[in-house]
């Protein structure tokens, strides 16, 4: 397995260089307002594909320690969905993370896509 810190740096560099620099912010804002998530899904797909390429997997375990992953974030009060990046600590609460991450991945893959 590659060095986790190097993988995080590579992923962050890609996000900054390729994703954030090319986002059509007006289109993204409009898609959020209209609850039309097509553009958000495109961005998440692009980020997830690169994540899978860098990490050479779509399955995570505690050996990765900390990872940055693309995420769909739901606001609890409104239920609105947003694209985001979250950092997961895979070493803490290991007895819970497998069940929780499994449910997230299943939901995410069912509604959006899965790694190639």
PDB file of N, CA and C in Angstrom:
ATOM      1  N   UNK A   1       0.838  -1.178   0.000  1.00  0.00           N
ATOM      2  CA  UNK A   1       0.000   0.000   0.000  1.00  0.00           C
ATOM      3  C   UNK A   1       0.884   1.242   0.000  1.00  0.00           C
ATOM      4  N   UNK A   2       0.483   2.242  -0.790  1.00  0.00           N
ATOM      5  CA  UNK A   2       1.209   3.508  -0.822  1.00  0.00           C
ATOM      6  C   UNK A   2       1.130   4.194   0.530  1.00  0.00           C
ATOM      7  N   UNK A   3       2.023   5.141   0.733  1.00  0.00           N
ATOM      8  CA  UNK A   3       2.037   5.943   1.940  1.00  0.00           C
ATOM      9  C   UNK A   3       0.748   6.770   2.021  1.00  0.00           C
ATOM     10  N   UNK A   4       0.018   6.643   3.126  1.00  0.00           N
ATOM     11  CA  UNK A   4      -1.265   7.317   3.280  1.00  0.00           C
ATOM     12  C   UNK A   4      -1.143   8.839   3.197  1.00  0.00           C
ATOM     13  N   UNK A   5      -0.107   9.395   3.785  1.00  0.00           N
ATOM     14  CA  UNK A   5       0.089  10.848   3.736  1.00  0.00           C
ATOM     15  C   UNK A   5       0.290  11.298   2.297  1.00  0.00           C
ATOM     16  N   UNK A   6       1.055  10.549   1.541  1.00  0.00           N
ATOM     17  CA  UNK A   6       1.273  10.877   0.125  1.00  0.00           C
ATOM     18  C   UNK A   6      -0.045  10.795  -0.653  1.00  0.00           C
ATOM     19  N   UNK A   7      -0.854   9.788  -0.361  1.00  0.00           N
ATOM     20  CA  UNK A   7      -2.144   9.660  -1.054  1.00  0.00           C
ATOM     21  C   UNK A   7      -3.055  10.836  -0.720  1.00  0.00           C
ATOM     22  N   UNK A   8      -3.079  11.251   0.544  1.00  0.00           N
ATOM     23  CA  UNK A   8      -3.885  12.411   0.924  1.00  0.00           C
ATOM     24  C   UNK A   8      -3.401  13.669   0.214  1.00  0.00           C
ATOM     25  N   UNK A   9      -2.080  13.835   0.155  1.00  0.00           N
ATOM     26  CA  UNK A   9      -1.519  15.004  -0.532  1.00  0.00           C
ATOM     27  C   UNK A   9      -1.858  14.982  -2.015  1.00  0.00           C
ATOM     28  N   UNK A  10      -1.736  13.818  -2.640  1.00  0.00           N
ATOM     29  CA  UNK A  10      -2.070  13.698  -4.065  1.00  0.00           C
ATOM     30  C   UNK A  10      -3.535  14.021  -4.316  1.00  0.00           C
ATOM     31  N   UNK A  11      -4.411  13.518  -3.454  1.00  0.00           N
ATOM     32  CA  UNK A  11      -5.842  13.756  -3.618  1.00  0.00           C
ATOM     33  C   UNK A  11      -6.178  15.237  -3.411  1.00  0.00           C
ATOM     34  N   UNK A  12      -5.604  15.845  -2.383  1.00  0.00           N
ATOM     35  CA  UNK A  12      -5.831  17.272  -2.112  1.00  0.00           C
ATOM     36  C   UNK A  12      -5.318  18.125  -3.259  1.00  0.00           C
ATOM     37  N   UNK A  13      -4.149  17.798  -3.767  1.00  0.00           N
ATOM     38  CA  UNK A  13      -3.583  18.536  -4.901  1.00  0.00           C
ATOM     39  C   UNK A  13      -4.503  18.428  -6.114  1.00  0.00           C
ATOM     40  N   UNK A  14      -5.006  17.236  -6.381  1.00  0.00           N
ATOM     41  CA  UNK A  14      -5.928  17.046  -7.504  1.00  0.00           C
ATOM     42  C   UNK A  14      -7.186  17.885  -7.315  1.00  0.00           C
ATOM     43  N   UNK A  15      -7.767  17.852  -6.109  1.00  0.00           N
ATOM     44  CA  UNK A  15      -8.981  18.632  -5.841  1.00  0.00           C
ATOM     45  C   UNK A  15      -8.746  20.109  -6.103  1.00  0.00           C
ATOM     46  N   UNK A  16      -7.634  20.622  -5.604  1.00  0.00           N
ATOM     47  CA  UNK A  16      -7.329  22.040  -5.785  1.00  0.00           C
ATOM     48  C   UNK A  16      -7.038  22.383  -7.243  1.00  0.00           C
ATOM     49  N   UNK A  17      -6.274  21.546  -7.910  1.00  0.00           N
ATOM     50  CA  UNK A  17      -5.827  21.834  -9.280  1.00  0.00           C
ATOM     51  C   UNK A  17      -6.926  21.591 -10.309  1.00  0.00           C
ATOM     52  N   UNK A  18      -7.631  20.481 -10.194  1.00  0.00           N
ATOM     53  CA  UNK A  18      -8.560  20.067 -11.246  1.00  0.00           C
ATOM     54  C   UNK A  18     -10.036  20.329 -10.935  1.00  0.00           C
ATOM     55  N   UNK A  19     -10.444  20.132  -9.710  1.00  0.00           N
ATOM     56  CA  UNK A  19     -11.871  20.225  -9.404  1.00  0.00           C
ATOM     57  C   UNK A  19     -12.262  21.659  -9.056  1.00  0.00           C
ATOM     58  N   UNK A  20     -11.668  22.202  -8.010  1.00  0.00           N
ATOM     59  CA  UNK A  20     -12.077  23.531  -7.557  1.00  0.00           C
ATOM     60  C   UNK A  20     -11.838  24.606  -8.606  1.00  0.00           C
ATOM     61  N   UNK A  21     -10.803  24.453  -9.391  1.00  0.00           N
ATOM     62  CA  UNK A  21     -10.502  25.463 -10.415  1.00  0.00           C
ATOM     63  C   UNK A  21     -11.467  25.407 -11.594  1.00  0.00           C
ATOM     64  N   UNK A  22     -12.188  24.302 -11.736  1.00  0.00           N
ATOM     65  CA  UNK A  22     -13.078  24.158 -12.887  1.00  0.00           C
ATOM     66  C   UNK A  22     -14.569  24.151 -12.528  1.00  0.00           C
ATOM     67  N   UNK A  23     -14.893  24.308 -11.253  1.00  0.00           N
ATOM     68  CA  UNK A  23     -16.305  24.297 -10.846  1.00  0.00           C
ATOM     69  C   UNK A  23     -17.005  25.528 -11.410  1.00  0.00           C
ATOM     70  N   UNK A  24     -18.163  25.303 -11.991  1.00  0.00           N
ATOM     71  CA  UNK A  24     -19.048  26.394 -12.400  1.00  0.00           C
ATOM     72  C   UNK A  24     -19.914  26.700 -11.178  1.00  0.00           C
ATOM     73  N   UNK A  25     -19.471  27.666 -10.378  1.00  0.00           N
ATOM     74  CA  UNK A  25     -20.105  27.929  -9.090  1.00  0.00           C
ATOM     75  C   UNK A  25     -21.555  28.378  -9.243  1.00  0.00           C
ATOM     76  N   UNK A  26     -21.848  29.168 -10.278  1.00  0.00           N
ATOM     77  CA  UNK A  26     -23.230  29.607 -10.509  1.00  0.00           C
ATOM     78  C   UNK A  26     -24.129  28.411 -10.824  1.00  0.00           C
ATOM     79  N   UNK A  27     -23.628  27.500 -11.649  1.00  0.00           N
ATOM     80  CA  UNK A  27     -24.390  26.302 -12.006  1.00  0.00           C
ATOM     81  C   UNK A  27     -24.599  25.412 -10.784  1.00  0.00           C
ATOM     82  N   UNK A  28     -23.579  25.293  -9.951  1.00  0.00           N
ATOM     83  CA  UNK A  28     -23.689  24.480  -8.740  1.00  0.00           C
ATOM     84  C   UNK A  28     -24.715  25.092  -7.783  1.00  0.00           C
ATOM     85  N   UNK A  29     -24.654  26.400  -7.594  1.00  0.00           N
ATOM     86  CA  UNK A  29     -25.612  27.078  -6.717  1.00  0.00           C
ATOM     87  C   UNK A  29     -27.037  26.886  -7.232  1.00  0.00           C
ATOM     88  N   UNK A  30     -27.228  27.055  -8.531  1.00  0.00           N
ATOM     89  CA  UNK A  30     -28.552  26.882  -9.127  1.00  0.00           C
ATOM     90  C   UNK A  30     -29.057  25.453  -8.938  1.00  0.00           C
ATOM     91  N   UNK A  31     -28.151  24.485  -9.091  1.00  0.00           N
ATOM     92  CA  UNK A  31     -28.563  23.084  -8.922  1.00  0.00           C
ATOM     93  C   UNK A  31     -28.995  22.812  -7.486  1.00  0.00           C
ATOM     94  N   UNK A  32     -28.328  23.444  -6.506  1.00  0.00           N
ATOM     95  CA  UNK A  32     -28.727  23.287  -5.111  1.00  0.00           C
ATOM     96  C   UNK A  32     -30.098  23.908  -4.871  1.00  0.00           C
ATOM     97  N   UNK A  33     -30.303  25.117  -5.402  1.00  0.00           N
ATOM     98  CA  UNK A  33     -31.572  25.819  -5.195  1.00  0.00           C
ATOM     99  C   UNK A  33     -32.736  25.037  -5.796  1.00  0.00           C
ATOM    100  N   UNK A  34     -32.525  24.478  -6.984  1.00  0.00           N
ATOM    101  CA  UNK A  34     -33.592  23.763  -7.686  1.00  0.00           C
ATOM    102  C   UNK A  34     -33.679  22.280  -7.305  1.00  0.00           C
ATOM    103  N   UNK A  35     -32.790  21.827  -6.427  1.00  0.00           N
ATOM    104  CA  UNK A  35     -32.732  20.416  -6.024  1.00  0.00           C
ATOM    105  C   UNK A  35     -32.563  19.498  -7.232  1.00  0.00           C
ATOM    106  N   UNK A  36     -31.820  19.986  -8.205  1.00  0.00           N
ATOM    107  CA  UNK A  36     -31.463  19.199  -9.386  1.00  0.00           C
ATOM    108  C   UNK A  36     -29.990  18.841  -9.202  1.00  0.00           C
ATOM    109  N   UNK A  37     -29.719  17.617  -8.813  1.00  0.00           N
ATOM    110  CA  UNK A  37     -28.385  17.247  -8.356  1.00  0.00           C
ATOM    111  C   UNK A  37     -27.475  16.686  -9.442  1.00  0.00           C
ATOM    112  N   UNK A  38     -27.834  16.845 -10.702  1.00  0.00           N
ATOM    113  CA  UNK A  38     -27.014  16.321 -11.790  1.00  0.00           C
ATOM    114  C   UNK A  38     -25.593  16.855 -11.780  1.00  0.00           C
ATOM    115  N   UNK A  39     -25.438  18.164 -11.624  1.00  0.00           N
ATOM    116  CA  UNK A  39     -24.092  18.753 -11.636  1.00  0.00           C
ATOM    117  C   UNK A  39     -23.300  18.321 -10.407  1.00  0.00           C
ATOM    118  N   UNK A  40     -23.972  18.261  -9.260  1.00  0.00           N
ATOM    119  CA  UNK A  40     -23.311  17.806  -8.041  1.00  0.00           C
ATOM    120  C   UNK A  40     -22.825  16.367  -8.222  1.00  0.00           C
ATOM    121  N   UNK A  41     -23.649  15.512  -8.827  1.00  0.00           N
ATOM    122  CA  UNK A  41     -23.249  14.119  -9.063  1.00  0.00           C
ATOM    123  C   UNK A  41     -22.035  14.045  -9.975  1.00  0.00           C
ATOM    124  N   UNK A  42     -21.979  14.911 -10.991  1.00  0.00           N
ATOM    125  CA  UNK A  42     -20.810  14.939 -11.883  1.00  0.00           C
ATOM    126  C   UNK A  42     -19.547  15.249 -11.097  1.00  0.00           C
ATOM    127  N   UNK A  43     -19.614  16.261 -10.231  1.00  0.00           N
ATOM    128  CA  UNK A  43     -18.451  16.629  -9.412  1.00  0.00           C
ATOM    129  C   UNK A  43     -18.049  15.498  -8.475  1.00  0.00           C
ATOM    130  N   UNK A  44     -19.036  14.890  -7.814  1.00  0.00           N
ATOM    131  CA  UNK A  44     -18.737  13.789  -6.904  1.00  0.00           C
ATOM    132  C   UNK A  44     -18.169  12.586  -7.645  1.00  0.00           C
ATOM    133  N   UNK A  45     -18.667  12.322  -8.834  1.00  0.00           N
ATOM    134  CA  UNK A  45     -18.150  11.219  -9.647  1.00  0.00           C
ATOM    135  C   UNK A  45     -16.689  11.470 -10.006  1.00  0.00           C
ATOM    136  N   UNK A  46     -16.396  12.695 -10.427  1.00  0.00           N
ATOM    137  CA  UNK A  46     -15.023  13.060 -10.784  1.00  0.00           C
ATOM    138  C   UNK A  46     -14.090  12.873  -9.582  1.00  0.00           C
ATOM    139  N   UNK A  47     -14.529  13.328  -8.406  1.00  0.00           N
ATOM    140  CA  UNK A  47     -13.698  13.202  -7.209  1.00  0.00           C
ATOM    141  C   UNK A  47     -13.561  11.749  -6.772  1.00  0.00           C
ATOM    142  N   UNK A  48     -14.636  10.988  -6.848  1.00  0.00           N
ATOM    143  CA  UNK A  48     -14.603   9.587  -6.431  1.00  0.00           C
ATOM    144  C   UNK A  48     -13.719   8.752  -7.351  1.00  0.00           C
ATOM    145  N   UNK A  49     -13.818   8.992  -8.646  1.00  0.00           N
ATOM    146  CA  UNK A  49     -12.947   8.268  -9.585  1.00  0.00           C
ATOM    147  C   UNK A  49     -11.478   8.512  -9.268  1.00  0.00           C
ATOM    148  N   UNK A  50     -11.130   9.762  -8.976  1.00  0.00           N
ATOM    149  CA  UNK A  50      -9.731  10.078  -8.663  1.00  0.00           C
ATOM    150  C   UNK A  50      -9.330   9.469  -7.322  1.00  0.00           C
ATOM    151  N   UNK A  51     -10.234   9.490  -6.356  1.00  0.00           N
ATOM    152  CA  UNK A  51      -9.955   8.859  -5.073  1.00  0.00           C
ATOM    153  C   UNK A  51      -9.625   7.382  -5.287  1.00  0.00           C
ATOM    154  N   UNK A  52     -10.471   6.691  -6.062  1.00  0.00           N
ATOM    155  CA  UNK A  52     -10.258   5.262  -6.317  1.00  0.00           C
ATOM    156  C   UNK A  52      -8.950   5.019  -7.058  1.00  0.00           C
ATOM    157  N   UNK A  53      -8.601   5.919  -7.960  1.00  0.00           N
ATOM    158  CA  UNK A  53      -7.334   5.793  -8.703  1.00  0.00           C
ATOM    159  C   UNK A  53      -6.140   5.950  -7.763  1.00  0.00           C
ATOM    160  N   UNK A  54      -6.176   6.976  -6.921  1.00  0.00           N
ATOM    161  CA  UNK A  54      -5.052   7.246  -6.016  1.00  0.00           C
ATOM    162  C   UNK A  54      -4.920   6.157  -4.959  1.00  0.00           C
ATOM    163  N   UNK A  55      -6.033   5.744  -4.370  1.00  0.00           N
ATOM    164  CA  UNK A  55      -6.002   4.747  -3.299  1.00  0.00           C
ATOM    165  C   UNK A  55      -6.040   3.312  -3.821  1.00  0.00           C
ATOM    166  N   UNK A  56      -6.271   3.148  -5.115  1.00  0.00           N
ATOM    167  CA  UNK A  56      -6.334   1.822  -5.744  1.00  0.00           C
ATOM    168  C   UNK A  56      -7.365   0.911  -5.086  1.00  0.00           C
ATOM    169  N   UNK A  57      -8.435   1.502  -4.580  1.00  0.00           N
ATOM    170  CA  UNK A  57      -9.489   0.725  -3.938  1.00  0.00           C
ATOM    171  C   UNK A  57     -10.739   1.575  -3.765  1.00  0.00           C
ATOM    172  N   UNK A  58     -11.846   0.911  -3.504  1.00  0.00           N
ATOM    173  CA  UNK A  58     -13.050   1.619  -3.079  1.00  0.00           C
ATOM    174  C   UNK A  58     -13.507   1.086  -1.723  1.00  0.00           C
ATOM    175  N   UNK A  59     -12.623   0.357  -1.054  1.00  0.00           N
ATOM    176  CA  UNK A  59     -12.886  -0.150   0.287  1.00  0.00           C
ATOM    177  C   UNK A  59     -11.836   0.418   1.237  1.00  0.00           C
ATOM    178  N   UNK A  60     -12.295   0.880   2.380  1.00  0.00           N
ATOM    179  CA  UNK A  60     -11.387   1.485   3.353  1.00  0.00           C
ATOM    180  C   UNK A  60     -11.331   0.639   4.617  1.00  0.00           C
ATOM    181  N   UNK A  61     -10.174   0.654   5.262  1.00  0.00           N
ATOM    182  CA  UNK A  61     -10.008  -0.041   6.536  1.00  0.00           C
ATOM    183  C   UNK A  61      -9.069   0.781   7.398  1.00  0.00           C
ATOM    184  N   UNK A  62      -8.939   0.393   8.661  1.00  0.00           N
ATOM    185  CA  UNK A  62      -8.192   1.210   9.618  1.00  0.00           C
ATOM    186  C   UNK A  62      -6.723   1.422   9.262  1.00  0.00           C
ATOM    187  N   UNK A  63      -6.150   0.610   8.392  1.00  0.00           N
ATOM    188  CA  UNK A  63      -4.755   0.809   7.994  1.00  0.00           C
ATOM    189  C   UNK A  63      -4.545   2.149   7.298  1.00  0.00           C
ATOM    190  N   UNK A  64      -5.597   2.707   6.729  1.00  0.00           N
ATOM    191  CA  UNK A  64      -5.480   4.004   6.064  1.00  0.00           C
ATOM    192  C   UNK A  64      -5.445   5.160   7.062  1.00  0.00           C
ATOM    193  N   UNK A  65      -5.808   4.903   8.306  1.00  0.00           N
ATOM    194  CA  UNK A  65      -5.848   5.874   9.387  1.00  0.00           C
ATOM    195  C   UNK A  65      -6.788   7.028   9.072  1.00  0.00           C
ATOM    196  N   UNK A  66      -6.295   8.089   8.438  1.00  0.00           N
ATOM    197  CA  UNK A  66      -7.123   9.235   8.071  1.00  0.00           C
ATOM    198  C   UNK A  66      -7.240   9.294   6.560  1.00  0.00           C
ATOM    199  N   UNK A  67      -8.449   9.544   6.070  1.00  0.00           N
ATOM    200  CA  UNK A  67      -8.655   9.699   4.632  1.00  0.00           C
ATOM    201  C   UNK A  67      -9.601  10.865   4.369  1.00  0.00           C
ATOM    202  N   UNK A  68      -9.362  11.542   3.262  1.00  0.00           N
ATOM    203  CA  UNK A  68     -10.289  12.541   2.750  1.00  0.00           C
ATOM    204  C   UNK A  68     -11.124  11.855   1.692  1.00  0.00           C
ATOM    205  N   UNK A  69     -12.439  11.949   1.806  1.00  0.00           N
ATOM    206  CA  UNK A  69     -13.311  11.284   0.845  1.00  0.00           C
ATOM    207  C   UNK A  69     -14.415  12.233   0.383  1.00  0.00           C
ATOM    208  N   UNK A  70     -14.825  12.083  -0.875  1.00  0.00           N
ATOM    209  CA  UNK A  70     -15.984  12.839  -1.351  1.00  0.00           C
ATOM    210  C   UNK A  70     -17.213  12.391  -0.569  1.00  0.00           C
ATOM    211  N   UNK A  71     -18.130  13.320  -0.341  1.00  0.00           N
ATOM    212  CA  UNK A  71     -19.302  12.977   0.456  1.00  0.00           C
ATOM    213  C   UNK A  71     -20.510  13.776   0.015  1.00  0.00           C
ATOM    214  N   UNK A  72     -21.661  13.172   0.228  1.00  0.00           N
ATOM    215  CA  UNK A  72     -22.921  13.892   0.112  1.00  0.00           C
ATOM    216  C   UNK A  72     -23.292  14.268   1.533  1.00  0.00           C
ATOM    217  N   UNK A  73     -23.491  15.559   1.756  1.00  0.00           N
ATOM    218  CA  UNK A  73     -23.793  16.055   3.094  1.00  0.00           C
ATOM    219  C   UNK A  73     -25.246  16.516   3.117  1.00  0.00           C
ATOM    220  N   UNK A  74     -26.009  15.964   4.042  1.00  0.00           N
ATOM    221  CA  UNK A  74     -27.423  16.342   4.188  1.00  0.00           C
ATOM    222  C   UNK A  74     -27.558  17.253   5.410  1.00  0.00           C
ATOM    223  N   UNK A  75     -28.156  18.409   5.207  1.00  0.00           N
ATOM    224  CA  UNK A  75     -28.415  19.336   6.301  1.00  0.00           C
ATOM    225  C   UNK A  75     -29.613  18.812   7.089  1.00  0.00           C
ATOM    226  N   UNK A  76     -29.439  18.632   8.386  1.00  0.00           N
ATOM    227  CA  UNK A  76     -30.490  17.987   9.178  1.00  0.00           C
ATOM    228  C   UNK A  76     -31.778  18.801   9.232  1.00  0.00           C
ATOM    229  N   UNK A  77     -31.701  20.106   9.333  1.00  0.00           N
ATOM    230  CA  UNK A  77     -32.914  20.913   9.449  1.00  0.00           C
ATOM    231  C   UNK A  77     -33.711  20.952   8.142  1.00  0.00           C
ATOM    232  N   UNK A  78     -33.023  21.135   7.019  1.00  0.00           N
ATOM    233  CA  UNK A  78     -33.718  21.329   5.742  1.00  0.00           C
ATOM    234  C   UNK A  78     -33.775  20.068   4.886  1.00  0.00           C
ATOM    235  N   UNK A  79     -32.846  19.152   5.105  1.00  0.00           N
ATOM    236  CA  UNK A  79     -32.765  17.968   4.260  1.00  0.00           C
ATOM    237  C   UNK A  79     -32.031  18.220   2.948  1.00  0.00           C
ATOM    238  N   UNK A  80     -31.550  19.454   2.744  1.00  0.00           N
ATOM    239  CA  UNK A  80     -30.821  19.773   1.515  1.00  0.00           C
ATOM    240  C   UNK A  80     -29.539  18.960   1.421  1.00  0.00           C
ATOM    241  N   UNK A  81     -29.170  18.604   0.183  1.00  0.00           N
ATOM    242  CA  UNK A  81     -27.957  17.842  -0.077  1.00  0.00           C
ATOM    243  C   UNK A  81     -26.889  18.734  -0.689  1.00  0.00           C
ATOM    244  N   UNK A  82     -25.643  18.520  -0.277  1.00  0.00           N
ATOM    245  CA  UNK A  82     -24.516  19.277  -0.801  1.00  0.00           C
ATOM    246  C   UNK A  82     -23.344  18.329  -1.028  1.00  0.00           C
ATOM    247  N   UNK A  83     -22.512  18.664  -2.002  1.00  0.00           N
ATOM    248  CA  UNK A  83     -21.270  17.923  -2.234  1.00  0.00           C
ATOM    249  C   UNK A  83     -20.229  18.427  -1.248  1.00  0.00           C
ATOM    250  N   UNK A  84     -19.381  17.540  -0.804  1.00  0.00           N
ATOM    251  CA  UNK A  84     -18.342  17.958   0.122  1.00  0.00           C
ATOM    252  C   UNK A  84     -17.207  16.966   0.177  1.00  0.00           C
ATOM    253  N   UNK A  85     -16.240  17.308   0.968  1.00  0.00           N
ATOM    254  CA  UNK A  85     -15.104  16.439   1.264  1.00  0.00           C
ATOM    255  C   UNK A  85     -15.071  16.313   2.784  1.00  0.00           C
ATOM    256  N   UNK A  86     -15.003  15.097   3.282  1.00  0.00           N
ATOM    257  CA  UNK A  86     -14.911  14.884   4.718  1.00  0.00           C
ATOM    258  C   UNK A  86     -13.655  14.083   5.023  1.00  0.00           C
ATOM    259  N   UNK A  87     -13.130  14.313   6.214  1.00  0.00           N
ATOM    260  CA  UNK A  87     -11.981  13.533   6.651  1.00  0.00           C
ATOM    261  C   UNK A  87     -12.480  12.511   7.657  1.00  0.00           C
ATOM    262  N   UNK A  88     -12.156  11.255   7.399  1.00  0.00           N
ATOM    263  CA  UNK A  88     -12.546  10.167   8.289  1.00  0.00           C
ATOM    264  C   UNK A  88     -11.327   9.671   9.049  1.00  0.00           C
ATOM    265  N   UNK A  89     -11.499   9.467  10.337  1.00  0.00           N
ATOM    266  CA  UNK A  89     -10.491   8.827  11.171  1.00  0.00           C
ATOM    267  C   UNK A  89     -10.904   7.375  11.291  1.00  0.00           C
ATOM    268  N   UNK A  90     -10.253   6.521  10.551  1.00  0.00           N
ATOM    269  CA  UNK A  90     -10.627   5.110  10.520  1.00  0.00           C
ATOM    270  C   UNK A  90     -10.047   4.312  11.676  1.00  0.00           C
ATOM    271  N   UNK A  91      -9.261   4.981  12.542  1.00  0.00           N
ATOM    272  CA  UNK A  91      -8.664   4.259  13.665  1.00  0.00           C
ATOM    273  C   UNK A  91      -9.477   4.385  14.937  1.00  0.00           C
ATOM    274  N   UNK A  92     -10.346   5.388  15.036  1.00  0.00           N
ATOM    275  CA  UNK A  92     -11.120   5.532  16.267  1.00  0.00           C
ATOM    276  C   UNK A  92     -12.492   4.889  16.105  1.00  0.00           C
ATOM    277  N   UNK A  93     -13.000   4.355  17.171  1.00  0.00           N
ATOM    278  CA  UNK A  93     -14.312   3.710  17.197  1.00  0.00           C
ATOM    279  C   UNK A  93     -14.445   2.666  16.100  1.00  0.00           C
ATOM    280  N   UNK A  94     -13.409   1.884  15.920  1.00  0.00           N
ATOM    281  CA  UNK A  94     -13.394   0.878  14.865  1.00  0.00           C
ATOM    282  C   UNK A  94     -14.543  -0.104  14.929  1.00  0.00           C
ATOM    283  N   UNK A  95     -15.041  -0.337  16.137  1.00  0.00           N
ATOM    284  CA  UNK A  95     -16.131  -1.296  16.244  1.00  0.00           C
ATOM    285  C   UNK A  95     -17.411  -0.757  15.620  1.00  0.00           C
ATOM    286  N   UNK A  96     -17.503   0.547  15.417  1.00  0.00           N
ATOM    287  CA  UNK A  96     -18.703   1.146  14.836  1.00  0.00           C
ATOM    288  C   UNK A  96     -18.521   1.546  13.383  1.00  0.00           C
ATOM    289  N   UNK A  97     -17.308   1.895  13.000  1.00  0.00           N
ATOM    290  CA  UNK A  97     -17.131   2.506  11.683  1.00  0.00           C
ATOM    291  C   UNK A  97     -17.473   1.554  10.544  1.00  0.00           C
ATOM    292  N   UNK A  98     -17.195   0.271  10.690  1.00  0.00           N
ATOM    293  CA  UNK A  98     -17.449  -0.655   9.593  1.00  0.00           C
ATOM    294  C   UNK A  98     -18.930  -0.700   9.247  1.00  0.00           C
ATOM    295  N   UNK A  99     -19.776  -0.795  10.240  1.00  0.00           N
ATOM    296  CA  UNK A  99     -21.216  -0.814   9.985  1.00  0.00           C
ATOM    297  C   UNK A  99     -21.678   0.505   9.390  1.00  0.00           C
ATOM    298  N   UNK A 100     -21.229   1.599   9.974  1.00  0.00           N
ATOM    299  CA  UNK A 100     -21.666   2.913   9.538  1.00  0.00           C
ATOM    300  C   UNK A 100     -21.188   3.211   8.119  1.00  0.00           C
ATOM    301  N   UNK A 101     -19.904   2.984   7.845  1.00  0.00           N
ATOM    302  CA  UNK A 101     -19.351   3.247   6.518  1.00  0.00           C
ATOM    303  C   UNK A 101     -20.010   2.333   5.491  1.00  0.00           C
ATOM    304  N   UNK A 102     -20.259   1.091   5.863  1.00  0.00           N
ATOM    305  CA  UNK A 102     -20.934   0.175   4.942  1.00  0.00           C
ATOM    306  C   UNK A 102     -22.298   0.696   4.528  1.00  0.00           C
ATOM    307  N   UNK A 103     -23.051   1.234   5.484  1.00  0.00           N
ATOM    308  CA  UNK A 103     -24.370   1.783   5.178  1.00  0.00           C
ATOM    309  C   UNK A 103     -24.255   3.010   4.296  1.00  0.00           C
ATOM    310  N   UNK A 104     -23.286   3.868   4.589  1.00  0.00           N
ATOM    311  CA  UNK A 104     -23.083   5.068   3.774  1.00  0.00           C
ATOM    312  C   UNK A 104     -22.732   4.669   2.344  1.00  0.00           C
ATOM    313  N   UNK A 105     -21.778   3.751   2.204  1.00  0.00           N
ATOM    314  CA  UNK A 105     -21.346   3.345   0.865  1.00  0.00           C
ATOM    315  C   UNK A 105     -22.497   2.723   0.083  1.00  0.00           C
ATOM    316  N   UNK A 106     -23.295   1.899   0.740  1.00  0.00           N
ATOM    317  CA  UNK A 106     -24.418   1.271   0.053  1.00  0.00           C
ATOM    318  C   UNK A 106     -25.389   2.337  -0.442  1.00  0.00           C
ATOM    319  N   UNK A 107     -25.729   3.290   0.423  1.00  0.00           N
ATOM    320  CA  UNK A 107     -26.652   4.359   0.054  1.00  0.00           C
ATOM    321  C   UNK A 107     -26.045   5.211  -1.065  1.00  0.00           C
ATOM    322  N   UNK A 108     -24.792   5.582  -0.906  1.00  0.00           N
ATOM    323  CA  UNK A 108     -24.103   6.427  -1.880  1.00  0.00           C
ATOM    324  C   UNK A 108     -24.060   5.739  -3.239  1.00  0.00           C
ATOM    325  N   UNK A 109     -23.678   4.486  -3.259  1.00  0.00           N
ATOM    326  CA  UNK A 109     -23.577   3.749  -4.525  1.00  0.00           C
ATOM    327  C   UNK A 109     -24.944   3.536  -5.166  1.00  0.00           C
ATOM    328  N   UNK A 110     -25.961   3.272  -4.367  1.00  0.00           N
ATOM    329  CA  UNK A 110     -27.291   3.055  -4.923  1.00  0.00           C
ATOM    330  C   UNK A 110     -27.831   4.294  -5.602  1.00  0.00           C
ATOM    331  N   UNK A 111     -27.542   5.461  -5.050  1.00  0.00           N
ATOM    332  CA  UNK A 111     -28.141   6.681  -5.575  1.00  0.00           C
ATOM    333  C   UNK A 111     -27.227   7.451  -6.518  1.00  0.00           C
ATOM    334  N   UNK A 112     -25.959   7.191  -6.474  1.00  0.00           N
ATOM    335  CA  UNK A 112     -25.058   7.964  -7.315  1.00  0.00           C
ATOM    336  C   UNK A 112     -24.242   7.071  -8.250  1.00  0.00           C
ATOM    337  N   UNK A 113     -23.277   6.353  -7.729  1.00  0.00           N
ATOM    338  CA  UNK A 113     -22.389   5.565  -8.572  1.00  0.00           C
ATOM    339  C   UNK A 113     -21.444   4.789  -7.678  1.00  0.00           C
ATOM    340  N   UNK A 114     -20.622   3.982  -8.276  1.00  0.00           N
ATOM    341  CA  UNK A 114     -19.588   3.289  -7.517  1.00  0.00           C
ATOM    342  C   UNK A 114     -18.266   3.429  -8.261  1.00  0.00           C
ATOM    343  N   UNK A 115     -17.206   3.070  -7.577  1.00  0.00           N
ATOM    344  CA  UNK A 115     -15.887   3.173  -8.193  1.00  0.00           C
ATOM    345  C   UNK A 115     -15.770   2.227  -9.363  1.00  0.00           C
ATOM    346  N   UNK A 116     -14.976   2.615 -10.335  1.00  0.00           N
ATOM    347  CA  UNK A 116     -14.761   1.722 -11.501  1.00  0.00           C
ATOM    348  C   UNK A 116     -14.020   0.458 -11.098  1.00  0.00           C
TER     349      UNK A 116
END
